[in-house]
Amino acid sequence: MKPGALDPQPACECGAAIGELHRRGCDDELCARCGEQVVACHCVYELNGMEADGLWETHPDIYENGPTEAMWKVYDAEIEKLGGRIARSPLWQVTEDAARLGLWCRWVGPGTEEAQRINSGWHSCGREHPDAVPHLVLLLYLATWNPKTRHYEVDGQ
C-alpha cells in the first residue's frame, strides 16, 4: 500500500474537527440519505418535491440562490430519521469503505514501459502493491449506499 493512503484526511475547509458536524455547504459533508456530497446530491430538492434537473426552468430563484432555509429544515427532518447528519471522520467515507471492501488501485503514468503494455491510468491491484490506494471510482461503480449502516456496501458487505 502506498504510504499515506489511509492517513487521516487533512483539515476540513469548514473548520470541523473530527467528530463535529460540517458547516452547511462544506464540500466534505456526505448526505446520510444517498451517500453523495451534500453540495452535489439532489436530496434537498427531492424531499421538497422538486425535480433537480429542471430547476432553472421550474424554480429559477432556487437554481440561482440554492435551497432556502425552509427547504433545509425539511431535509434535516428526514436526515434526523436516519440518525442525523454525518460528522467529520478521520477518513473520507469513500476511502474507508473502498479499503474495507478490498478495492485498491494504482496509477500507471503515461510514457512508462508499463503504460505501453496496459495503457496509462488507474488500474486495480491488491492492497500489498507498494503504490496501492483505495479505488474510489470502482467503489462508486460497484457499491450502493446503505443509509442504515452509513456505508457503501457490495452485496451486504
C-alpha atoms as a PDB file:
ATOM      1  CA  MET A   1       0.000   0.000   0.000  1.00  0.00           C
ATOM      2  CA  LYS A   2       1.210   3.490  -0.810  1.00  0.00           C
ATOM      3  CA  PRO A   3       2.436   5.323   2.286  1.00  0.00           C
ATOM      4  CA  GLY A   4      -0.230   7.767   3.406  1.00  0.00           C
ATOM      5  CA  ALA A   5      -3.075   6.032   1.548  1.00  0.00           C
ATOM      6  CA  LEU A   6      -5.056   5.663   4.771  1.00  0.00           C
ATOM      7  CA  ASP A   7      -3.762   8.694   6.643  1.00  0.00           C
ATOM      8  CA  PRO A   8      -6.412  10.887   8.260  1.00  0.00           C
ATOM      9  CA  GLN A   9      -7.852  13.485   5.924  1.00  0.00           C
ATOM     10  CA  PRO A  10      -6.362  16.958   6.111  1.00  0.00           C
ATOM     11  CA  ALA A  11      -8.108  19.785   7.896  1.00  0.00           C
ATOM     12  CA  CYS A  12     -11.570  20.403   6.568  1.00  0.00           C
ATOM     13  CA  GLU A  13     -12.216  23.662   4.704  1.00  0.00           C
ATOM     14  CA  CYS A  14     -15.148  24.437   7.006  1.00  0.00           C
ATOM     15  CA  GLY A  15     -13.052  24.022  10.144  1.00  0.00           C
ATOM     16  CA  ALA A  16     -14.950  20.995  11.513  1.00  0.00           C
ATOM     17  CA  ALA A  17     -12.825  18.854  13.801  1.00  0.00           C
ATOM     18  CA  ILE A  18     -13.132  15.063  13.733  1.00  0.00           C
ATOM     19  CA  GLY A  19     -16.494  14.179  15.307  1.00  0.00           C
ATOM     20  CA  GLU A  20     -18.029  17.602  14.625  1.00  0.00           C
ATOM     21  CA  LEU A  21     -20.668  18.432  12.026  1.00  0.00           C
ATOM     22  CA  HIS A  22     -19.559  20.196   8.872  1.00  0.00           C
ATOM     23  CA  ARG A  23     -20.686  23.751   8.181  1.00  0.00           C
ATOM     24  CA  ARG A  24     -23.637  23.791   5.756  1.00  0.00           C
ATOM     25  CA  GLY A  25     -22.231  23.867   2.229  1.00  0.00           C
ATOM     26  CA  CYS A  26     -18.924  22.158   3.040  1.00  0.00           C
ATOM     27  CA  ASP A  27     -17.647  20.028   0.154  1.00  0.00           C
ATOM     28  CA  ASP A  28     -16.660  17.243   2.554  1.00  0.00           C
ATOM     29  CA  GLU A  29     -20.091  16.597   4.110  1.00  0.00           C
ATOM     30  CA  LEU A  30     -21.788  13.396   2.961  1.00  0.00           C
ATOM     31  CA  CYS A  31     -25.548  13.042   2.726  1.00  0.00           C
ATOM     32  CA  ALA A  32     -26.840  10.403   5.140  1.00  0.00           C
ATOM     33  CA  ARG A  33     -29.653   9.602   2.687  1.00  0.00           C
ATOM     34  CA  CYS A  34     -27.725   8.990  -0.564  1.00  0.00           C
ATOM     35  CA  GLY A  35     -24.013   8.958   0.404  1.00  0.00           C
ATOM     36  CA  GLU A  36     -23.038  11.687  -2.060  1.00  0.00           C
ATOM     37  CA  GLN A  37     -21.608  15.070  -1.150  1.00  0.00           C
ATOM     38  CA  VAL A  38     -24.461  17.176   0.228  1.00  0.00           C
ATOM     39  CA  VAL A  39     -23.446  20.042  -2.068  1.00  0.00           C
ATOM     40  CA  ALA A  40     -23.872  17.776  -5.125  1.00  0.00           C
ATOM     41  CA  CYS A  41     -26.780  15.498  -4.197  1.00  0.00           C
ATOM     42  CA  HIS A  42     -30.407  16.154  -5.101  1.00  0.00           C
ATOM     43  CA  CYS A  43     -31.944  15.028  -1.815  1.00  0.00           C
ATOM     44  CA  VAL A  44     -32.829  18.511  -0.531  1.00  0.00           C
ATOM     45  CA  TYR A  45     -34.782  19.111  -3.753  1.00  0.00           C
ATOM     46  CA  GLU A  46     -36.387  15.655  -3.908  1.00  0.00           C
ATOM     47  CA  LEU A  47     -37.536  15.869  -0.287  1.00  0.00           C
ATOM     48  CA  ASN A  48     -39.172  19.196  -1.132  1.00  0.00           C
ATOM     49  CA  GLY A  49     -40.983  17.756  -4.169  1.00  0.00           C
ATOM     50  CA  MET A  50     -38.739  19.322  -6.805  1.00  0.00           C
ATOM     51  CA  GLU A  51     -37.051  17.801  -9.830  1.00  0.00           C
ATOM     52  CA  ALA A  52     -33.429  18.959  -9.557  1.00  0.00           C
ATOM     53  CA  ASP A  53     -32.669  18.587 -13.266  1.00  0.00           C
ATOM     54  CA  GLY A  54     -35.117  21.303 -14.333  1.00  0.00           C
ATOM     55  CA  LEU A  55     -34.686  23.850 -11.545  1.00  0.00           C
ATOM     56  CA  TRP A  56     -33.508  26.606 -13.890  1.00  0.00           C
ATOM     57  CA  GLU A  57     -36.947  26.444 -15.557  1.00  0.00           C
ATOM     58  CA  THR A  58     -39.291  25.494 -12.717  1.00  0.00           C
ATOM     59  CA  HIS A  59     -37.639  27.290  -9.786  1.00  0.00           C
ATOM     60  CA  PRO A  60     -35.154  29.860 -11.161  1.00  0.00           C
ATOM     61  CA  ASP A  61     -34.842  31.539  -7.751  1.00  0.00           C
ATOM     62  CA  ILE A  62     -33.793  28.262  -6.119  1.00  0.00           C
ATOM     63  CA  TYR A  63     -31.498  27.472  -9.048  1.00  0.00           C
ATOM     64  CA  GLU A  64     -29.827  30.867  -8.697  1.00  0.00           C
ATOM     65  CA  ASN A  65     -29.637  31.109  -4.879  1.00  0.00           C
ATOM     66  CA  GLY A  66     -29.698  27.494  -3.672  1.00  0.00           C
ATOM     67  CA  PRO A  67     -32.093  25.811  -1.258  1.00  0.00           C
ATOM     68  CA  THR A  68     -33.983  28.017   1.172  1.00  0.00           C
ATOM     69  CA  GLU A  69     -33.770  27.653   4.944  1.00  0.00           C
ATOM     70  CA  ALA A  70     -37.272  26.115   4.870  1.00  0.00           C
ATOM     71  CA  MET A  71     -36.053  23.512   2.358  1.00  0.00           C
ATOM     72  CA  TRP A  72     -33.057  22.672   4.582  1.00  0.00           C
ATOM     73  CA  LYS A  73     -35.443  22.176   7.539  1.00  0.00           C
ATOM     74  CA  VAL A  74     -37.413  19.577   5.543  1.00  0.00           C
ATOM     75  CA  TYR A  75     -34.139  17.896   4.561  1.00  0.00           C
ATOM     76  CA  ASP A  76     -32.797  17.968   8.136  1.00  0.00           C
ATOM     77  CA  ALA A  77     -36.018  16.424   9.492  1.00  0.00           C
ATOM     78  CA  GLU A  78     -35.643  13.466   7.098  1.00  0.00           C
ATOM     79  CA  ILE A  79     -31.933  13.122   7.861  1.00  0.00           C
ATOM     80  CA  GLU A  80     -32.741  13.038  11.604  1.00  0.00           C
ATOM     81  CA  LYS A  81     -34.863   9.932  10.932  1.00  0.00           C
ATOM     82  CA  LEU A  82     -31.676   8.307   9.594  1.00  0.00           C
ATOM     83  CA  GLY A  83     -29.654   9.218  12.672  1.00  0.00           C
ATOM     84  CA  GLY A  84     -28.757  12.809  11.802  1.00  0.00           C
ATOM     85  CA  ARG A  85     -26.090  14.430   9.704  1.00  0.00           C
ATOM     86  CA  ILE A  86     -22.764  12.647   9.282  1.00  0.00           C
ATOM     87  CA  ALA A  87     -19.985  14.153  11.368  1.00  0.00           C
ATOM     88  CA  ARG A  88     -16.449  14.542  10.082  1.00  0.00           C
ATOM     89  CA  SER A  89     -14.426  11.360  10.404  1.00  0.00           C
ATOM     90  CA  PRO A  90     -10.672  10.687  10.211  1.00  0.00           C
ATOM     91  CA  LEU A  91     -11.026   9.252   6.679  1.00  0.00           C
ATOM     92  CA  TRP A  92     -13.395  10.209   3.914  1.00  0.00           C
ATOM     93  CA  GLN A  93     -16.210   7.644   3.937  1.00  0.00           C
ATOM     94  CA  VAL A  94     -15.498   6.501   0.387  1.00  0.00           C
ATOM     95  CA  THR A  95     -11.816   5.933   1.237  1.00  0.00           C
ATOM     96  CA  GLU A  96     -12.701   3.937   4.336  1.00  0.00           C
ATOM     97  CA  ASP A  97     -15.313   1.844   2.522  1.00  0.00           C
ATOM     98  CA  ALA A  98     -13.125   1.120  -0.524  1.00  0.00           C
ATOM     99  CA  ALA A  99     -10.365  -0.126   1.788  1.00  0.00           C
ATOM    100  CA  ARG A 100     -12.833  -2.157   3.887  1.00  0.00           C
ATOM    101  CA  LEU A 101     -14.196  -3.818   0.731  1.00  0.00           C
ATOM    102  CA  GLY A 102     -10.700  -4.568  -0.617  1.00  0.00           C
ATOM    103  CA  LEU A 103     -10.955  -2.228  -3.618  1.00  0.00           C
ATOM    104  CA  TRP A 104      -7.452  -0.974  -4.433  1.00  0.00           C
ATOM    105  CA  CYS A 105      -5.814   0.596  -7.459  1.00  0.00           C
ATOM    106  CA  ARG A 106      -2.575   2.187  -8.560  1.00  0.00           C
ATOM    107  CA  TRP A 107      -1.604   4.862 -11.060  1.00  0.00           C
ATOM    108  CA  VAL A 108       0.319   3.892 -14.182  1.00  0.00           C
ATOM    109  CA  GLY A 109       1.798   7.061 -15.635  1.00  0.00           C
ATOM    110  CA  PRO A 110       1.938   7.844 -19.347  1.00  0.00           C
ATOM    111  CA  GLY A 111       5.208   7.338 -21.130  1.00  0.00           C
ATOM    112  CA  THR A 112       6.295   4.432 -18.937  1.00  0.00           C
ATOM    113  CA  GLU A 113       7.183   0.996 -20.255  1.00  0.00           C
ATOM    114  CA  GLU A 114       4.251  -0.429 -18.295  1.00  0.00           C
ATOM    115  CA  ALA A 115       1.840   2.113 -19.836  1.00  0.00           C
ATOM    116  CA  GLN A 116       2.872   0.886 -23.269  1.00  0.00           C
ATOM    117  CA  ARG A 117       1.666  -2.591 -22.286  1.00  0.00           C
ATOM    118  CA  ILE A 118      -1.512  -1.784 -20.326  1.00  0.00           C
ATOM    119  CA  ASN A 119      -2.214   1.941 -21.027  1.00  0.00           C
ATOM    120  CA  SER A 120      -1.817   4.727 -18.532  1.00  0.00           C
ATOM    121  CA  GLY A 121      -4.406   5.479 -15.864  1.00  0.00           C
ATOM    122  CA  TRP A 122      -5.786   3.861 -12.727  1.00  0.00           C
ATOM    123  CA  HIS A 123      -5.534   0.064 -12.597  1.00  0.00           C
ATOM    124  CA  SER A 124      -6.929  -2.319  -9.991  1.00  0.00           C
ATOM    125  CA  CYS A 125      -4.376  -4.055  -7.798  1.00  0.00           C
ATOM    126  CA  GLY A 126      -4.057  -5.682  -4.388  1.00  0.00           C
ATOM    127  CA  ARG A 127      -3.501  -3.822  -1.143  1.00  0.00           C
ATOM    128  CA  GLU A 128       0.009  -5.252  -0.994  1.00  0.00           C
ATOM    129  CA  HIS A 129       1.150  -3.311  -4.090  1.00  0.00           C
ATOM    130  CA  PRO A 130       3.529  -0.558  -2.941  1.00  0.00           C
ATOM    131  CA  ASP A 131       1.539   2.118  -4.826  1.00  0.00           C
ATOM    132  CA  ALA A 132      -1.959   0.891  -3.883  1.00  0.00           C
ATOM    133  CA  VAL A 133      -4.601   3.422  -2.859  1.00  0.00           C
ATOM    134  CA  PRO A 134      -8.333   2.856  -2.264  1.00  0.00           C
ATOM    135  CA  HIS A 135     -10.178   2.576  -5.598  1.00  0.00           C
ATOM    136  CA  LEU A 136     -12.884   5.218  -5.212  1.00  0.00           C
ATOM    137  CA  VAL A 137     -14.194   5.027  -8.775  1.00  0.00           C
ATOM    138  CA  LEU A 138     -14.705   1.273  -8.556  1.00  0.00           C
ATOM    139  CA  LEU A 139     -16.405   1.693  -5.169  1.00  0.00           C
ATOM    140  CA  LEU A 140     -18.935   4.121  -6.620  1.00  0.00           C
ATOM    141  CA  TYR A 141     -19.493   1.821  -9.598  1.00  0.00           C
ATOM    142  CA  LEU A 142     -19.930  -1.433  -7.645  1.00  0.00           C
ATOM    143  CA  ALA A 143     -21.326  -0.374  -4.294  1.00  0.00           C
ATOM    144  CA  THR A 144     -24.609   1.038  -3.052  1.00  0.00           C
ATOM    145  CA  TRP A 145     -25.028   3.469  -0.173  1.00  0.00           C
ATOM    146  CA  ASN A 146     -26.854   1.979   2.810  1.00  0.00           C
ATOM    147  CA  PRO A 147     -28.391   4.807   4.875  1.00  0.00           C
ATOM    148  CA  LYS A 148     -28.928   2.456   7.837  1.00  0.00           C
ATOM    149  CA  THR A 149     -25.268   1.474   8.165  1.00  0.00           C
ATOM    150  CA  ARG A 150     -23.938   4.725   6.652  1.00  0.00           C
ATOM    151  CA  HIS A 151     -21.522   2.803   4.495  1.00  0.00           C
ATOM    152  CA  TYR A 152     -21.182   1.821   0.860  1.00  0.00           C
ATOM    153  CA  GLU A 153     -21.851  -1.900   0.502  1.00  0.00           C
ATOM    154  CA  VAL A 154     -21.488  -4.592  -2.116  1.00  0.00           C
ATOM    155  CA  ASP A 155     -23.968  -7.405  -1.549  1.00  0.00           C
ATOM    156  CA  GLY A 156     -24.420  -6.513   2.137  1.00  0.00           C
ATOM    157  CA  GLN A 157     -20.678  -6.323   2.942  1.00  0.00           C
END
